[in-house]
C-alpha atoms as a PDB file:
ATOM      1  CA  MET A   1       5.792  -1.572  14.149  1.00  0.00           C
ATOM      2  CA  GLN A   2       7.437  -0.882  10.560  1.00  0.00           C
ATOM      3  CA  ASN A   3       9.386   3.097  10.102  1.00  0.00           C
ATOM      4  CA  GLN A   4       6.975   5.341   8.518  1.00  0.00           C
ATOM      5  CA  LEU A   5       9.283   6.214   5.631  1.00  0.00           C
ATOM      6  CA  GLU A   6       9.616   2.442   4.848  1.00  0.00           C
ATOM      7  CA  MET A   7       5.842   2.359   4.788  1.00  0.00           C
ATOM      8  CA  LEU A   8       5.410   5.187   2.776  1.00  0.00           C
ATOM      9  CA  ARG A   9       8.078   3.572   0.331  1.00  0.00           C
ATOM     10  CA  ILE A  10       5.764   0.544   0.227  1.00  0.00           C
ATOM     11  CA  PHE A  11       2.766   2.955  -0.317  1.00  0.00           C
ATOM     12  CA  LYS A  12       4.437   4.363  -3.247  1.00  0.00           C
ATOM     13  CA  VAL A  13       5.372   1.429  -4.916  1.00  0.00           C
ATOM     14  CA  ALA A  14       1.745  -0.359  -4.430  1.00  0.00           C
ATOM     15  CA  ALA A  15       0.056   2.755  -5.829  1.00  0.00           C
ATOM     16  CA  GLU A  16       2.262   2.702  -9.073  1.00  0.00           C
ATOM     17  CA  SER A  17       1.435  -1.360  -9.258  1.00  0.00           C
ATOM     18  CA  SER A  18      -1.368  -2.901 -10.312  1.00  0.00           C
ATOM     19  CA  ASN A  19      -1.870  -5.090  -7.341  1.00  0.00           C
ATOM     20  CA  PHE A  20       0.253  -6.140  -3.761  1.00  0.00           C
ATOM     21  CA  LYS A  21       2.154  -8.898  -5.551  1.00  0.00           C
ATOM     22  CA  GLU A  22       3.199  -6.832  -8.244  1.00  0.00           C
ATOM     23  CA  ALA A  23       4.343  -4.651  -5.661  1.00  0.00           C
ATOM     24  CA  SER A  24       5.966  -7.576  -4.043  1.00  0.00           C
ATOM     25  CA  ILE A  25       8.034  -8.654  -6.889  1.00  0.00           C
ATOM     26  CA  ARG A  26       9.016  -4.610  -7.363  1.00  0.00           C
ATOM     27  CA  LEU A  27       9.576  -4.400  -3.506  1.00  0.00           C
ATOM     28  CA  SER A  28      11.067  -7.932  -3.349  1.00  0.00           C
ATOM     29  CA  ILE A  29       9.104  -8.974  -0.287  1.00  0.00           C
ATOM     30  CA  SER A  30       6.349 -11.169   0.247  1.00  0.00           C
ATOM     31  CA  PRO A  31       2.808 -10.067  -0.550  1.00  0.00           C
ATOM     32  CA  GLN A  32       2.149 -10.295   3.011  1.00  0.00           C
ATOM     33  CA  SER A  33       4.402  -7.685   3.886  1.00  0.00           C
ATOM     34  CA  VAL A  34       2.872  -5.136   1.151  1.00  0.00           C
ATOM     35  CA  THR A  35      -0.422  -5.956   3.390  1.00  0.00           C
ATOM     36  CA  ARG A  36       1.063  -5.653   6.524  1.00  0.00           C
ATOM     37  CA  ALA A  37       2.529  -2.032   5.971  1.00  0.00           C
ATOM     38  CA  ILE A  38      -0.131  -0.806   3.975  1.00  0.00           C
ATOM     39  CA  LYS A  39      -2.811  -1.962   6.559  1.00  0.00           C
ATOM     40  CA  GLU A  40      -0.334  -0.322   9.634  1.00  0.00           C
ATOM     41  CA  LEU A  41      -0.250   3.224   7.623  1.00  0.00           C
ATOM     42  CA  GLU A  42      -4.253   3.210   6.749  1.00  0.00           C
ATOM     43  CA  ASP A  43      -4.485   2.872  11.160  1.00  0.00           C
ATOM     44  CA  LEU A  44      -1.858   5.454  11.740  1.00  0.00           C
ATOM     45  CA  LEU A  45      -3.515   7.825   8.874  1.00  0.00           C
ATOM     46  CA  GLY A  46      -7.149   6.557   9.721  1.00  0.00           C
ATOM     47  CA  GLU A  47      -8.016   6.331   6.394  1.00  0.00           C
ATOM     48  CA  PRO A  48      -8.145   3.622   3.982  1.00  0.00           C
ATOM     49  CA  LEU A  49      -5.492   3.674   1.150  1.00  0.00           C
ATOM     50  CA  PHE A  50      -7.182   0.961  -1.057  1.00  0.00           C
ATOM     51  CA  TYR A  51     -10.257  -0.792  -1.547  1.00  0.00           C
ATOM     52  CA  ARG A  52      -9.587  -4.477  -1.162  1.00  0.00           C
ATOM     53  CA  SER A  53     -12.127  -7.360  -2.615  1.00  0.00           C
ATOM     54  CA  THR A  54     -10.817 -11.011  -3.380  1.00  0.00           C
ATOM     55  CA  ARG A  55     -10.040 -10.667  -6.784  1.00  0.00           C
ATOM     56  CA  ASN A  56      -9.026  -6.724  -7.018  1.00  0.00           C
ATOM     57  CA  THR A  57      -7.364  -3.904  -5.028  1.00  0.00           C
ATOM     58  CA  THR A  58      -8.367  -0.045  -6.005  1.00  0.00           C
ATOM     59  CA  ILE A  59      -6.394   2.827  -4.419  1.00  0.00           C
ATOM     60  CA  THR A  60      -8.967   5.024  -3.078  1.00  0.00           C
ATOM     61  CA  GLU A  61      -9.138   9.000  -4.079  1.00  0.00           C
ATOM     62  CA  PHE A  62      -7.647   9.323  -0.881  1.00  0.00           C
ATOM     63  CA  GLY A  63      -4.593   6.939  -1.584  1.00  0.00           C
ATOM     64  CA  LYS A  64      -4.300   8.669  -4.819  1.00  0.00           C
ATOM     65  CA  GLN A  65      -3.711  11.818  -3.550  1.00  0.00           C
ATOM     66  CA  MET A  66      -1.345  10.881  -0.798  1.00  0.00           C
ATOM     67  CA  ALA A  67       0.424   8.939  -4.097  1.00  0.00           C
ATOM     68  CA  LEU A  68       1.010  12.565  -5.380  1.00  0.00           C
ATOM     69  CA  LYS A  69       2.988  14.219  -2.461  1.00  0.00           C
END
């Protein structure tokens, strides 16, 4: 389990990035670490933060609201 503050920091950068790979580059961590942190945060909150497909990652409305806080 990651530190909740670190998960929020990763989420904030991911929300500002075009995809998780870009976020991973900005954070100097692996794309898998970004994915794991986002998934863990989603599980903790009980809400999806991003819609994921094989070609696209889009922030949800709930994720947009979280990013503004």
